[in-house]
C-alpha atoms as a PDB file:
ATOM      1  CA  MET A   1      98.535-235.234 186.203  1.00  0.00           C
ATOM      2  CA  ILE A   2     101.526-233.361 184.760  1.00  0.00           C
ATOM      3  CA  GLU A   3     101.637-232.523 181.044  1.00  0.00           C
ATOM      4  CA  LEU A   4     103.862-230.423 178.801  1.00  0.00           C
ATOM      5  CA  ARG A   5     101.746-228.264 176.502  1.00  0.00           C
ATOM      6  CA  PRO A   6     102.552-225.712 173.812  1.00  0.00           C
ATOM      7  CA  VAL A   7     102.260-222.071 174.798  1.00  0.00           C
ATOM      8  CA  THR A   8      99.287-220.647 172.892  1.00  0.00           C
ATOM      9  CA  PRO A   9      97.747-217.179 172.612  1.00  0.00           C
ATOM     10  CA  GLU A  10      95.267-218.325 175.269  1.00  0.00           C
ATOM     11  CA  THR A  11      97.991-219.451 177.705  1.00  0.00           C
ATOM     12  CA  TYR A  12     100.622-216.825 176.936  1.00  0.00           C
ATOM     13  CA  GLN A  13      99.746-214.495 179.826  1.00  0.00           C
ATOM     14  CA  ALA A  14      99.562-217.347 182.326  1.00  0.00           C
ATOM     15  CA  CYS A  15     103.038-218.421 181.177  1.00  0.00           C
ATOM     16  CA  VAL A  16     104.462-214.912 181.535  1.00  0.00           C
ATOM     17  CA  ASP A  17     102.908-214.567 185.001  1.00  0.00           C
ATOM     18  CA  LEU A  18     104.649-217.686 186.358  1.00  0.00           C
ATOM     19  CA  THR A  19     107.598-216.805 188.579  1.00  0.00           C
ATOM     20  CA  VAL A  20     109.932-218.307 191.136  1.00  0.00           C
ATOM     21  CA  ASP A  21     110.432-217.140 194.735  1.00  0.00           C
ATOM     22  CA  HIS A  22     112.265-213.847 195.206  1.00  0.00           C
ATOM     23  CA  ASP A  23     115.417-215.643 196.429  1.00  0.00           C
ATOM     24  CA  GLN A  24     115.455-217.756 193.233  1.00  0.00           C
ATOM     25  CA  LEU A  25     115.211-214.890 190.724  1.00  0.00           C
ATOM     26  CA  GLY A  26     118.930-215.023 189.886  1.00  0.00           C
ATOM     27  CA  PHE A  27     118.721-218.703 189.017  1.00  0.00           C
ATOM     28  CA  VAL A  28     116.385-218.622 185.997  1.00  0.00           C
ATOM     29  CA  ALA A  29     115.426-216.050 183.363  1.00  0.00           C
ATOM     30  CA  PRO A  30     111.865-214.714 183.310  1.00  0.00           C
ATOM     31  CA  ASN A  31     109.497-216.662 181.073  1.00  0.00           C
ATOM     32  CA  LEU A  32     108.928-213.603 178.896  1.00  0.00           C
ATOM     33  CA  LYS A  33     112.624-213.620 177.937  1.00  0.00           C
ATOM     34  CA  SER A  34     112.501-217.384 177.359  1.00  0.00           C
ATOM     35  CA  LEU A  35     109.484-217.053 175.056  1.00  0.00           C
ATOM     36  CA  ALA A  36     111.291-214.365 173.050  1.00  0.00           C
ATOM     37  CA  GLN A  37     114.328-216.627 172.759  1.00  0.00           C
ATOM     38  CA  ALA A  38     112.128-219.544 171.676  1.00  0.00           C
ATOM     39  CA  TYR A  39     110.842-217.350 168.879  1.00  0.00           C
ATOM     40  CA  VAL A  40     114.293-216.524 167.502  1.00  0.00           C
ATOM     41  CA  TRP A  41     116.485-219.538 168.388  1.00  0.00           C
ATOM     42  CA  PRO A  42     116.446-222.225 165.660  1.00  0.00           C
ATOM     43  CA  GLY A  43     115.003-225.477 166.976  1.00  0.00           C
ATOM     44  CA  ALA A  44     113.870-224.044 170.333  1.00  0.00           C
ATOM     45  CA  VAL A  45     110.594-225.378 171.748  1.00  0.00           C
ATOM     46  CA  ALA A  46     108.685-223.761 174.630  1.00  0.00           C
ATOM     47  CA  ARG A  47     106.271-225.779 176.772  1.00  0.00           C
ATOM     48  CA  LEU A  48     104.033-224.975 179.691  1.00  0.00           C
ATOM     49  CA  ILE A  49     104.093-227.413 182.569  1.00  0.00           C
ATOM     50  CA  CYS A  50     100.454-228.031 183.466  1.00  0.00           C
ATOM     51  CA  ARG A  51      98.946-229.910 186.388  1.00  0.00           C
ATOM     52  CA  ASN A  52      95.312-230.812 185.851  1.00  0.00           C
ATOM     53  CA  ASP A  53      94.992-228.116 183.148  1.00  0.00           C
ATOM     54  CA  VAL A  54      96.538-225.400 185.368  1.00  0.00           C
ATOM     55  CA  PRO A  55      99.835-223.829 184.217  1.00  0.00           C
ATOM     56  CA  VAL A  56     102.359-224.397 187.019  1.00  0.00           C
ATOM     57  CA  GLY A  57     105.735-224.076 185.300  1.00  0.00           C
ATOM     58  CA  PHE A  58     107.694-223.683 182.106  1.00  0.00           C
ATOM     59  CA  VAL A  59     110.401-225.501 180.174  1.00  0.00           C
ATOM     60  CA  LEU A  60     112.414-224.406 177.144  1.00  0.00           C
ATOM     61  CA  PHE A  61     114.164-226.999 174.996  1.00  0.00           C
ATOM     62  CA  MET A  62     116.880-226.487 172.433  1.00  0.00           C
ATOM     63  CA  PRO A  63     119.086-228.847 170.457  1.00  0.00           C
ATOM     64  CA  VAL A  64     122.615-229.128 171.835  1.00  0.00           C
ATOM     65  CA  ASP A  65     123.797-228.547 168.248  1.00  0.00           C
ATOM     66  CA  VAL A  66     121.204-227.418 165.687  1.00  0.00           C
ATOM     67  CA  ASP A  67     123.324-228.842 162.874  1.00  0.00           C
ATOM     68  CA  ASP A  68     123.719-232.239 164.562  1.00  0.00           C
ATOM     69  CA  PRO A  69     120.488-233.643 166.069  1.00  0.00           C
ATOM     70  CA  ALA A  70     122.417-236.699 167.284  1.00  0.00           C
ATOM     71  CA  ALA A  71     124.312-234.443 169.712  1.00  0.00           C
ATOM     72  CA  GLY A  72     121.330-234.445 172.065  1.00  0.00           C
ATOM     73  CA  GLN A  73     118.732-232.091 173.461  1.00  0.00           C
ATOM     74  CA  GLY A  74     119.163-229.265 175.923  1.00  0.00           C
ATOM     75  CA  ILE A  75     116.801-228.150 178.645  1.00  0.00           C
ATOM     76  CA  VAL A  76     117.648-224.468 178.527  1.00  0.00           C
ATOM     77  CA  ARG A  77     115.074-223.304 181.082  1.00  0.00           C
ATOM     78  CA  PHE A  78     113.123-225.192 183.711  1.00  0.00           C
ATOM     79  CA  MET A  79     111.005-223.573 186.384  1.00  0.00           C
ATOM     80  CA  VAL A  80     108.055-224.248 188.665  1.00  0.00           C
ATOM     81  CA  ASP A  81     106.035-221.289 189.912  1.00  0.00           C
ATOM     82  CA  HIS A  82     106.657-220.408 193.562  1.00  0.00           C
ATOM     83  CA  ARG A  83     103.029-221.216 194.462  1.00  0.00           C
ATOM     84  CA  PHE A  84     103.461-224.828 193.339  1.00  0.00           C
ATOM     85  CA  GLN A  85     106.942-225.653 194.607  1.00  0.00           C
ATOM     86  CA  GLY A  86     107.393-228.383 197.203  1.00  0.00           C
ATOM     87  CA  GLN A  87     104.528-230.476 195.796  1.00  0.00           C
ATOM     88  CA  GLY A  88     106.520-232.924 193.667  1.00  0.00           C
ATOM     89  CA  ILE A  89     105.707-231.044 190.465  1.00  0.00           C
ATOM     90  CA  GLY A  90     109.352-230.334 189.620  1.00  0.00           C
ATOM     91  CA  ARG A  91     110.281-233.999 189.841  1.00  0.00           C
ATOM     92  CA  ALA A  92     107.309-235.106 187.731  1.00  0.00           C
ATOM     93  CA  ALA A  93     107.797-232.304 185.195  1.00  0.00           C
ATOM     94  CA  LEU A  94     111.498-233.063 184.844  1.00  0.00           C
ATOM     95  CA  ALA A  95     110.642-236.693 184.111  1.00  0.00           C
ATOM     96  CA  LYS A  96     108.196-235.484 181.425  1.00  0.00           C
ATOM     97  CA  ALA A  97     110.851-233.166 180.000  1.00  0.00           C
ATOM     98  CA  ILE A  98     113.361-236.008 179.745  1.00  0.00           C
ATOM     99  CA  GLU A  99     110.686-238.212 178.175  1.00  0.00           C
ATOM    100  CA  TRP A 100     109.924-235.468 175.615  1.00  0.00           C
ATOM    101  CA  CYS A 101     113.623-235.199 174.698  1.00  0.00           C
ATOM    102  CA  VAL A 102     113.995-238.958 174.264  1.00  0.00           C
ATOM    103  CA  GLN A 103     110.686-239.711 172.541  1.00  0.00           C
ATOM    104  CA  GLU A 104     109.987-236.559 170.521  1.00  0.00           C
ATOM    105  CA  ARG A 105     113.575-235.636 169.659  1.00  0.00           C
ATOM    106  CA  ARG A 106     115.153-239.089 169.905  1.00  0.00           C
ATOM    107  CA  ALA A 107     117.962-237.511 171.922  1.00  0.00           C
ATOM    108  CA  PRO A 108     120.758-239.851 173.019  1.00  0.00           C
ATOM    109  CA  LEU A 109     121.508-237.467 175.870  1.00  0.00           C
ATOM    110  CA  VAL A 110     119.863-234.545 177.621  1.00  0.00           C
ATOM    111  CA  ARG A 111     121.941-231.623 178.778  1.00  0.00           C
ATOM    112  CA  LEU A 112     121.211-228.718 181.095  1.00  0.00           C
ATOM    113  CA  SER A 113     123.119-226.232 183.196  1.00  0.00           C
ATOM    114  CA  VAL A 114     122.537-224.878 186.675  1.00  0.00           C
ATOM    115  CA  VAL A 115     123.750-221.919 188.711  1.00  0.00           C
ATOM    116  CA  PRO A 116     126.215-223.379 191.259  1.00  0.00           C
ATOM    117  CA  GLU A 117     124.374-221.810 194.219  1.00  0.00           C
ATOM    118  CA  ASN A 118     121.065-223.389 193.193  1.00  0.00           C
ATOM    119  CA  THR A 119     121.579-226.480 195.334  1.00  0.00           C
ATOM    120  CA  ARG A 120     117.881-227.371 195.308  1.00  0.00           C
ATOM    121  CA  ALA A 121     117.859-227.654 191.514  1.00  0.00           C
ATOM    122  CA  ARG A 122     121.181-229.510 191.451  1.00  0.00           C
ATOM    123  CA  ASP A 123     119.794-232.060 193.917  1.00  0.00           C
ATOM    124  CA  LEU A 124     116.632-232.443 191.805  1.00  0.00           C
ATOM    125  CA  TYR A 125     118.652-232.968 188.633  1.00  0.00           C
ATOM    126  CA  ARG A 126     120.945-235.497 190.308  1.00  0.00           C
ATOM    127  CA  SER A 127     117.937-237.435 191.624  1.00  0.00           C
ATOM    128  CA  ALA A 128     116.641-237.647 188.026  1.00  0.00           C
ATOM    129  CA  GLY A 129     119.917-239.159 186.778  1.00  0.00           C
ATOM    130  CA  PHE A 130     121.831-236.064 185.671  1.00  0.00           C
ATOM    131  CA  ALA A 131     125.546-235.916 186.446  1.00  0.00           C
ATOM    132  CA  GLU A 132     127.993-233.054 186.268  1.00  0.00           C
ATOM    133  CA  ASN A 133     130.355-233.517 183.334  1.00  0.00           C
ATOM    134  CA  GLY A 134     133.077-231.101 184.431  1.00  0.00           C
ATOM    135  CA  GLU A 135     132.073-228.317 182.036  1.00  0.00           C
ATOM    136  CA  VAL A 136     131.147-224.811 183.094  1.00  0.00           C
ATOM    137  CA  GLU A 137     129.172-222.712 180.607  1.00  0.00           C
ATOM    138  CA  ASP A 138     128.502-219.015 181.255  1.00  0.00           C
ATOM    139  CA  GLY A 139     129.269-219.611 184.925  1.00  0.00           C
ATOM    140  CA  GLU A 140     126.805-222.509 185.185  1.00  0.00           C
ATOM    141  CA  ILE A 141     127.587-226.157 185.920  1.00  0.00           C
ATOM    142  CA  VAL A 142     126.730-228.433 182.989  1.00  0.00           C
ATOM    143  CA  MET A 143     124.906-231.671 183.783  1.00  0.00           C
ATOM    144  CA  VAL A 144     124.134-234.552 181.417  1.00  0.00           C
ATOM    145  CA  TRP A 145     121.544-237.342 181.461  1.00  0.00           C
ATOM    146  CA  THR A 146     122.274-240.376 179.300  1.00  0.00           C
ATOM    147  CA  GLY A 147     119.520-242.708 180.398  1.00  0.00           C
END
């Protein structure tokens, strides 16, 4: 069972210890940086991805526009630890992340960006209903899910 849970003092170290494979390090920021950003970015929300109570990944959400909640929700970071990849966790966790955006934030759209060379992630996002919208942001391809 996949759940998104708040990062707590008890789960902080487990969150920081999660990492992707060596060849994926350029695709996603370390969780420590993401937790720091969650602390200072208005509206940012950090969640651990847990499978059967075990932390297996991390997701960081942020409003597309903090002054306009109707603009949608962004998935700023999304990662599954290298030890748990290839087990369907990414697909299930992405579905939970979209559900969180729609139900908790009432987002009309969900937006994320991906490093162009990260074809595995792009394929995952496409399979979940995300489509490239033609934008490039900080060298990353922007993708949007509208339900």
